[in-house]
Protein backbone atom coordinates (compact mmCIF):
# COMPACT_ATOMS: atom_id res chain seq x y z
CA MET A 1 3.66 7.07 -20.13
CA THR A 2 6.81 9.47 -20.25
CA SER A 3 10.15 8.62 -21.66
CA GLU A 4 12.44 7.60 -19.34
CA THR A 5 15.32 9.81 -20.46
CA GLU A 6 12.99 13.00 -19.64
CA ASP A 7 13.75 15.41 -16.64
CA VAL A 8 12.62 13.83 -13.46
CA THR A 9 10.26 16.36 -11.85
CA GLY A 10 9.25 14.45 -8.24
CA PRO A 11 10.16 15.80 -5.32
CA LEU A 12 12.46 12.56 -4.61
CA ALA A 13 14.92 13.51 -8.10
CA GLY A 14 18.12 12.33 -7.80
CA VAL A 15 17.53 10.13 -5.07
CA ARG A 16 18.24 6.19 -5.40
CA VAL A 17 16.80 3.22 -3.85
CA LEU A 18 17.98 -0.57 -4.08
CA ASP A 19 14.87 -2.32 -3.75
CA LEU A 20 15.48 -6.17 -2.37
CA SER A 21 11.44 -7.12 -1.49
CA SER A 22 8.83 -9.44 -2.75
CA VAL A 23 5.24 -10.03 -3.11
CA LEU A 24 3.44 -6.78 -2.82
CA MET A 25 4.33 -4.68 0.76
CA GLY A 26 7.87 -4.05 -0.01
CA PRO A 27 7.53 -3.50 -3.99
CA ALA A 28 4.35 -0.93 -3.15
CA ALA A 29 6.37 1.07 -1.04
CA THR A 30 9.08 1.35 -3.82
CA ARG A 31 6.76 2.07 -6.34
CA THR A 32 5.35 4.94 -4.12
CA LEU A 33 8.81 6.27 -4.30
CA GLY A 34 9.57 5.53 -8.10
CA ASP A 35 6.44 7.60 -8.97
CA LEU A 36 7.63 10.42 -6.55
CA GLY A 37 10.74 10.20 -9.01
CA ALA A 38 13.35 7.66 -6.99
CA ASP A 39 15.50 6.03 -9.18
CA VAL A 40 14.67 2.41 -7.93
CA ILE A 41 16.83 -0.67 -8.65
CA PHE A 42 14.51 -3.90 -8.13
CA VAL A 43 16.47 -6.70 -7.63
CA GLU A 44 14.96 -9.87 -7.89
CA PRO A 45 15.76 -13.96 -8.90
CA ALA A 46 16.30 -15.32 -12.60
CA LYS A 47 12.62 -16.23 -12.44
CA GLY A 48 11.13 -13.09 -11.66
CA ASP A 49 9.48 -12.18 -8.46
CA ARG A 50 6.16 -13.31 -7.86
CA ASN A 51 4.01 -10.56 -7.94
CA ARG A 52 4.65 -11.39 -11.69
CA THR A 53 2.48 -14.53 -11.69
CA MET A 54 0.19 -12.88 -8.82
CA GLY A 55 -3.25 -13.42 -10.57
CA SER A 56 -3.62 -13.14 -14.17
CA GLY A 57 -2.10 -10.56 -17.24
CA PRO A 58 -1.47 -10.36 -20.89
CA VAL A 59 2.13 -12.46 -21.22
CA GLU A 60 4.24 -14.72 -18.82
CA GLU A 61 6.39 -12.12 -16.42
CA PHE A 62 3.66 -9.46 -16.28
CA SER A 63 0.33 -9.91 -14.35
CA GLY A 64 -1.85 -7.00 -14.17
CA ILE A 65 -1.03 -6.52 -10.84
CA ALA A 66 3.01 -6.40 -11.74
CA LEU A 67 2.30 -3.80 -14.52
CA ASN A 68 1.02 -1.01 -12.16
CA LEU A 69 3.19 -2.67 -9.26
CA LEU A 70 6.97 -2.29 -11.41
CA ARG A 71 6.48 0.99 -13.04
CA ASN A 72 9.06 3.13 -13.08
CA LYS A 73 11.65 0.46 -11.55
CA ARG A 74 14.79 -1.07 -13.08
CA SER A 75 14.99 -4.61 -13.00
CA ILE A 76 18.36 -6.52 -12.21
CA ALA A 77 18.68 -10.50 -11.36
CA VAL A 78 21.13 -11.72 -9.17
CA ASP A 79 21.94 -14.92 -7.65
CA LEU A 80 22.31 -13.63 -3.96
CA LYS A 81 23.61 -16.97 -2.67
CA GLN A 82 26.80 -16.99 -5.07
CA PRO A 83 29.60 -14.61 -3.02
CA ARG A 84 30.00 -13.04 -6.67
CA GLY A 85 26.50 -12.12 -6.57
CA ARG A 86 26.90 -10.67 -3.09
CA GLN A 87 29.33 -8.38 -4.10
CA ALA A 88 27.67 -7.56 -6.58
CA PHE A 89 24.83 -6.25 -4.72
CA LEU A 90 27.21 -4.50 -2.42
CA ASP A 91 29.10 -2.38 -5.34
CA ILE A 92 24.98 -1.48 -6.02
CA ALA A 93 24.21 -0.22 -2.40
CA ALA A 94 27.54 1.70 -2.49
CA THR A 95 25.43 4.25 -5.18
CA CYS A 96 22.28 3.76 -3.50
CA ASP A 97 21.03 6.53 -1.04
CA VAL A 98 18.11 4.03 0.32
CA MET A 99 18.12 0.22 0.86
CA ILE A 100 14.42 -1.73 1.25
CA THR A 101 14.12 -5.27 2.01
CA ASN A 102 11.55 -7.79 3.14
CA LEU A 103 13.91 -10.28 4.03
CA ARG A 104 13.67 -11.44 7.57
CA PRO A 105 16.44 -10.95 9.54
CA GLY A 106 18.06 -14.32 9.74
CA PRO A 107 17.91 -14.45 6.31
CA LEU A 108 19.01 -11.45 5.81
CA ARG A 109 22.50 -11.86 8.03
CA ARG A 110 22.90 -15.21 6.37
CA LEU A 111 23.38 -13.24 2.79
CA GLY A 112 25.50 -10.80 4.61
CA LEU A 113 23.65 -7.93 3.76
CA HIS A 114 22.25 -6.58 7.23
CA TYR A 115 22.51 -3.07 7.99
CA GLU A 116 26.11 -3.31 9.35
CA ALA A 117 27.41 -5.00 5.84
CA VAL A 118 25.79 -2.42 3.56
CA ARG A 119 26.70 0.53 5.85
CA ASP A 120 30.33 -0.37 5.49
CA VAL A 121 29.96 0.12 1.64
CA ARG A 122 27.45 3.35 2.13
CA ASN A 123 28.13 5.01 5.65
CA ASP A 124 25.19 7.61 5.48
CA ILE A 125 23.13 4.85 3.95
CA VAL A 126 19.05 5.18 4.62
CA PHE A 127 18.28 1.36 5.35
CA CYS A 128 14.74 -0.27 5.99
CA ARG A 129 13.83 -3.92 6.59
CA ALA A 130 10.10 -4.41 6.90
CA HIS A 131 9.31 -7.89 8.18
CA GLY A 132 6.22 -9.68 10.43
CA TYR A 133 7.26 -9.05 13.35
CA PRO A 134 9.97 -7.35 15.45
CA SER A 135 13.41 -8.20 14.82
CA SER A 136 13.76 -8.05 19.05
CA SER A 137 11.00 -10.46 19.71
CA GLU A 138 10.85 -14.58 19.80
CA GLN A 139 9.05 -14.71 16.14
CA ALA A 140 11.40 -12.07 14.56
CA ASN A 141 12.22 -15.18 12.36
CA ALA A 142 8.49 -16.74 11.55
CA PRO A 143 6.93 -15.95 8.04
CA ALA A 144 4.39 -13.85 7.83
CA TYR A 145 2.29 -12.42 4.93
CA ASP A 146 -0.81 -10.49 4.78
CA ASP A 147 -3.54 -13.19 5.89
CA ILE A 148 -1.07 -14.29 8.66
CA ILE A 149 -0.29 -10.25 10.39
CA GLN A 150 -4.29 -9.26 9.16
CA SER A 151 -5.30 -11.92 12.05
CA ALA A 152 -2.19 -11.08 14.56
CA SER A 153 -3.00 -7.41 14.73
CA GLY A 154 -6.90 -7.67 15.15
CA VAL A 155 -8.62 -7.67 12.18
CA GLY A 156 -10.34 -10.83 12.34
CA ASP A 157 -11.94 -10.00 15.66
CA LEU A 158 -13.86 -7.37 14.11
CA PHE A 159 -15.81 -9.09 12.08
CA ARG A 160 -16.97 -11.45 15.16
CA ARG A 161 -17.79 -8.05 17.18
CA MET A 162 -20.00 -7.55 14.32
CA GLY A 163 -22.07 -10.89 14.80
CA ALA A 164 -20.12 -12.92 12.32
CA GLU A 165 -17.30 -15.75 12.44
CA PRO A 166 -13.39 -14.51 12.21
CA MET A 167 -12.65 -13.01 8.79
CA LEU A 168 -10.30 -11.31 6.86
CA LEU A 169 -10.56 -8.22 5.01
CA PRO A 170 -10.70 -8.95 1.12
CA SER A 171 -8.03 -6.63 0.38
CA LEU A 172 -3.84 -6.77 1.46
CA VAL A 173 -4.60 -4.12 3.80
CA ALA A 174 -2.04 -4.83 5.69
CA ASP A 175 0.28 -5.21 2.49
CA LYS A 176 -0.48 -1.96 1.74
CA VAL A 177 -1.02 0.02 5.22
CA CYS A 178 2.38 -1.14 5.32
CA GLY A 179 3.58 0.11 2.47
CA LEU A 180 2.80 3.04 2.83
CA THR A 181 4.75 2.89 6.07
CA ILE A 182 8.04 2.17 4.63
CA ALA A 183 7.42 5.07 2.09
CA ASN A 184 6.68 7.60 4.95
CA SER A 185 9.14 6.29 6.97
CA VAL A 186 11.88 6.42 4.21
CA VAL A 187 11.35 10.14 3.45
CA ALA A 188 11.33 11.29 6.88
CA ALA A 189 14.73 9.55 7.41
CA LEU A 190 15.83 11.48 4.06
CA PHE A 191 14.95 14.42 5.49
CA HIS A 192 16.99 14.11 8.61
CA ARG A 193 20.06 13.05 6.57
CA ALA A 194 19.72 16.08 4.72
CA GLN A 195 20.01 17.81 7.51
CA THR A 196 22.73 15.81 9.54
CA GLY A 197 24.16 13.79 6.86
CA GLN A 198 23.48 10.90 9.26
CA GLY A 199 21.56 7.85 7.93
CA GLN A 200 20.07 5.35 10.09
CA CYS A 201 18.02 1.70 10.36
CA ILE A 202 14.42 1.42 10.31
CA GLU A 203 12.61 -1.35 10.71
CA ILE A 204 9.00 -1.79 9.98
CA PRO A 205 6.75 -4.57 12.22
CA MET A 206 4.00 -5.43 10.05
CA VAL A 207 2.09 -6.35 13.33
CA ASP A 208 3.01 -3.01 15.47
CA VAL A 209 2.11 -1.23 12.27
CA MET A 210 -1.16 -2.65 12.20
CA ARG A 211 -2.07 -2.76 15.58
CA ALA A 212 -1.73 1.02 15.46
CA PHE A 213 -4.21 1.28 12.68
CA VAL A 214 -6.67 -1.37 13.88
CA LEU A 215 -7.01 0.24 17.09
CA THR A 216 -6.66 4.10 15.85
CA GLU A 217 -10.87 4.07 16.66
CA HIS A 218 -11.20 0.64 17.87
CA GLY A 219 -9.10 0.83 20.81
CA SER A 220 -12.58 3.22 21.88
CA GLY A 221 -12.86 3.27 25.63
CA ALA A 222 -10.74 0.17 26.44
CA ILE A 223 -7.67 2.40 25.57
CA SER A 224 -8.31 4.29 29.42
CA GLU A 225 -6.89 2.61 32.49
CA PRO A 226 -9.21 1.38 33.82
CA PRO A 227 -11.39 0.58 30.70
CA VAL A 228 -14.48 2.99 30.26
CA ALA A 229 -16.13 0.22 28.00
CA ASP A 230 -15.60 -2.34 25.57
CA ALA A 231 -12.74 -2.15 22.44
CA GLY A 232 -14.54 -1.30 18.98
CA TYR A 233 -15.70 1.88 18.25
CA ALA A 234 -19.74 0.78 17.61
CA ARG A 235 -20.74 2.58 14.56
CA ILE A 236 -17.84 0.88 12.77
CA LEU A 237 -18.80 -2.43 13.54
CA THR A 238 -22.54 -2.26 12.83
CA PRO A 239 -23.18 -4.79 9.92
CA GLU A 240 -25.83 -2.44 8.77
CA ARG A 241 -22.67 0.20 7.95
CA ARG A 242 -22.85 -0.27 4.05
CA PRO A 243 -24.56 0.44 0.45
CA GLN A 244 -27.42 0.35 0.65
CA PRO A 245 -30.28 0.43 -1.74
CA THR A 246 -32.24 2.73 -3.88
CA ALA A 247 -35.28 2.50 -6.12
CA ASP A 248 -32.71 1.67 -8.95
CA GLY A 249 -29.21 1.03 -7.63
CA TRP A 250 -27.28 1.38 -4.76
CA ILE A 251 -26.20 4.89 -2.83
CA ASN A 252 -23.85 5.29 0.52
CA ILE A 253 -25.12 8.36 2.30
CA LEU A 254 -23.32 9.26 5.79
CA PRO A 255 -25.83 11.70 7.79
CA TYR A 256 -23.23 13.13 9.98
CA ASP A 257 -25.61 15.51 12.13
CA HIS A 258 -28.99 16.27 13.64
CA SER A 259 -29.99 18.31 10.66
CA HIS A 260 -28.72 15.96 8.50
CA TYR A 261 -31.30 12.99 9.64
CA VAL A 262 -34.32 15.69 9.85
CA ALA A 263 -34.14 16.20 6.36
CA LEU A 264 -33.43 12.57 5.05
CA PHE A 265 -36.37 11.51 7.20
CA GLU A 266 -38.59 14.28 6.34
CA ALA A 267 -37.40 14.00 2.08
CA GLY A 268 -38.17 9.80 2.78
CA GLY A 269 -41.91 10.23 4.00
CA ARG A 270 -40.81 9.54 7.80
CA PRO A 271 -41.09 12.70 9.36
CA ASP A 272 -41.97 10.87 12.57
CA LEU A 273 -38.56 9.84 12.91
CA ALA A 274 -37.25 13.30 12.03
CA ALA A 275 -37.79 13.80 16.20
CA ASP A 276 -37.21 10.74 17.39
CA GLU A 277 -34.17 11.05 20.22
CA ARG A 278 -31.87 8.67 19.00
CA PHE A 279 -30.59 11.31 17.19
CA ALA A 280 -30.54 13.93 19.09
CA THR A 281 -26.36 13.74 20.06
CA PRO A 282 -23.41 12.36 18.55
CA ILE A 283 -23.31 10.19 21.26
CA GLU A 284 -26.92 8.62 20.77
CA ARG A 285 -26.24 8.28 17.11
CA VAL A 286 -23.27 6.55 17.98
CA THR A 287 -24.63 4.41 20.37
CA HIS A 288 -27.43 3.08 17.84
CA SER A 289 -26.14 2.88 15.14
CA ASP A 290 -27.78 -0.14 13.98
CA SER A 291 -31.10 0.67 14.49
CA LEU A 292 -30.27 4.46 12.80
CA TYR A 293 -28.68 2.65 9.58
CA ARG A 294 -31.61 0.55 9.19
CA ASP A 295 -34.08 3.58 9.41
CA VAL A 296 -32.17 5.06 6.53
CA ALA A 297 -32.31 1.89 4.07
CA THR A 298 -35.79 2.53 4.56
CA VAL A 299 -36.70 5.53 2.91
CA LEU A 300 -33.91 5.24 0.44
CA THR A 301 -35.95 2.77 -1.93
CA GLN A 302 -38.49 5.15 -1.96
CA ARG A 303 -36.30 7.60 -4.24
CA THR A 304 -33.54 6.51 -7.61
CA THR A 305 -29.53 6.83 -6.95
CA ALA A 306 -29.52 10.02 -8.73
CA ASP A 307 -32.93 11.86 -7.28
CA TRP A 308 -31.05 11.22 -3.71
CA LEU A 309 -27.71 12.39 -4.87
CA SER A 310 -29.16 15.43 -5.83
CA PHE A 311 -30.95 16.16 -2.71
CA CYS A 312 -27.91 15.15 -0.21
CA GLU A 313 -25.82 17.53 -2.66
CA GLU A 314 -29.02 20.31 -1.71
CA HIS A 315 -28.74 19.80 2.03
CA GLY A 316 -24.82 18.92 2.14
CA ILE A 317 -25.15 15.63 3.57
CA PRO A 318 -22.22 13.00 2.46
CA ALA A 319 -23.14 10.48 -0.22
CA THR A 320 -21.68 8.48 -2.96
CA GLU A 321 -23.10 6.20 -5.22
CA ALA A 322 -21.55 2.85 -5.07
CA ALA A 323 -18.85 2.05 -7.80
CA THR A 324 -18.39 -1.13 -8.97
CA LEU A 325 -14.41 -2.77 -9.51
CA ASP A 326 -15.16 -2.92 -13.57
CA GLU A 327 -16.51 1.22 -12.81
CA LEU A 328 -13.45 2.09 -11.65
CA ILE A 329 -11.26 -0.09 -13.81
CA ASP A 330 -13.43 1.46 -17.03
CA GLN A 331 -12.05 5.19 -15.38
CA LEU A 332 -8.66 4.24 -15.70
CA PRO A 333 -6.55 5.82 -18.45
CA ILE A 334 -5.00 3.66 -21.00
CA ASP A 335 -1.32 3.06 -22.00
CA GLU A 336 1.04 0.89 -23.87
CA HIS A 337 3.43 -1.18 -22.80
CA PRO A 338 6.42 -2.86 -24.96
CA VAL A 339 5.74 -6.54 -24.05
CA ALA A 340 2.13 -6.64 -22.31
CA GLY A 341 0.79 -4.56 -24.47
CA GLN A 342 -2.07 -2.33 -23.70
CA PHE A 343 -2.99 -2.02 -19.69
CA ARG A 344 -4.91 0.44 -17.50
CA VAL A 345 -2.55 2.48 -15.31
CA ILE A 346 -3.42 3.41 -11.97
CA PRO A 347 -2.18 6.84 -11.66
CA PRO A 348 0.35 8.04 -8.91
CA PRO A 349 -2.61 9.92 -6.58
CA GLU A 350 -0.24 12.35 -5.40
CA GLN A 351 -0.88 15.80 -6.72
CA PHE A 352 2.71 18.35 -5.85
CA SER A 353 2.50 21.98 -7.40
CA GLU A 354 5.98 22.13 -8.37
CA THR A 355 7.31 18.79 -8.42
CA PRO A 356 4.56 16.42 -9.73
CA PRO A 357 4.79 12.24 -9.71
CA SER A 358 5.17 10.81 -12.91
CA ILE A 359 5.42 7.56 -14.96
CA ARG A 360 8.47 7.49 -16.70
CA ARG A 361 9.16 3.52 -17.26
CA PRO A 362 7.27 0.63 -18.01
CA ALA A 363 6.97 -2.43 -15.44
CA PRO A 364 10.66 -3.83 -16.67
CA GLY A 365 11.33 -7.87 -17.60
CA ILE A 366 13.30 -10.16 -15.62
CA GLY A 367 16.78 -8.87 -14.93
CA GLU A 368 16.27 -6.03 -18.24
CA HIS A 369 18.57 -3.47 -16.72
CA GLY A 370 21.41 -6.17 -15.32
CA ARG A 371 23.62 -4.64 -17.40
CA GLU A 372 23.19 -1.06 -17.26
CA ILE A 373 23.15 -1.27 -13.61
CA LEU A 374 26.40 -3.17 -12.84
CA SER A 375 27.82 -0.10 -15.27
CA GLU A 376 26.95 2.18 -13.54
CA ALA A 377 28.59 0.31 -10.31
CA GLY A 378 32.00 0.50 -12.17
CA TYR A 379 31.66 -3.03 -13.89
CA ASP A 380 33.48 -3.15 -17.11
CA THR A 381 31.47 -5.32 -20.34
CA ALA A 382 34.18 -8.36 -19.52
CA GLU A 383 33.14 -8.26 -15.91
CA ILE A 384 29.34 -8.75 -16.70
CA ASP A 385 29.80 -11.40 -18.68
CA GLY A 386 31.50 -13.26 -16.94
CA LEU A 387 28.70 -12.78 -13.92
CA ILE A 388 26.08 -14.64 -17.22
CA ASP A 389 28.56 -17.11 -17.58
CA ALA A 390 29.01 -17.93 -14.45
CA GLY A 391 25.19 -17.90 -13.65
CA VAL A 392 25.25 -15.11 -10.69
CA LEU A 393 23.30 -12.90 -13.18
CA THR A 394 20.41 -13.38 -15.66
CA VAL A 395 19.80 -10.84 -18.61
CA PRO A 396 17.24 -11.59 -21.43
């Protein structure tokens, strides 16, 4: 972890982001922006954000999730329900380029922190609000979390179409996909502002984002009007699409064209399958995905995982050993947090040749940077102490 005093090299160096979000979607977006060089100011309640206690962690305030999710951020704990807290927030907003929130339209307006109010103190602000449903809909102020949005966007129906009961993906996929959409949209709006000097308000309705995500391939033949086939992409919906057992472990092999199948079945002792009509064309291979995956699985048990990986590399067949979560975690580098001790770092995945992302700050304690942030907003020591005494500002 680099020092917070080092020069920022990321492409968003010099951009300041005010993060009024919670749990995972918004904080995931601002982590991305922070890794890319932005100065992220994380506003949280006096007891800390919920992600601090999501799952276990080495010490109170720092769950395993929070240690990576809150990095590259400075924390300030302000009571926004108090007028002086609201004013402090707006004074900080005046120093920022971007504001991101996942508060619903109603609560945001009741706090007086809606777009128009923030624009009054920073007229070129890029203001992004992300919530469950469009603000123009009857559900605008309905609470929504990942589970709710997965169901509302058809994820559960994918399992039904596979022959199972409706269920959810065992990952906070809606939160994370929407977090990436927030980050992408903010960067696009910053580009527009750089060209025109104009800020704007961005709305990210989670249900719309996930509907687009799911229907990209699963709209399939039903996208045509009138439909030419049922919704759902057959190859993806077969329950046979999964890691396959080998003689000594698990692998995932994806033959992608006719020559791949021929080579695989001949090597697996089933040359009779190599001439099967089900492999003749891409359409046939999709149509017969169920049986093809089963046939592939039957030959893979004849060799070890290492043998098949070597074979697939030689024949250009996409393949990988099926990793476990423990194996993935063991691959992560270890760093030292000043409070939580040693932990595994999830490195930024982006690679830039000229402006590489970096991890400059460890996850902060609740309100750790409150004095510093308000000082940058023009508050003197007496004013900051007054906010603390009034219970508006919480500091360690």
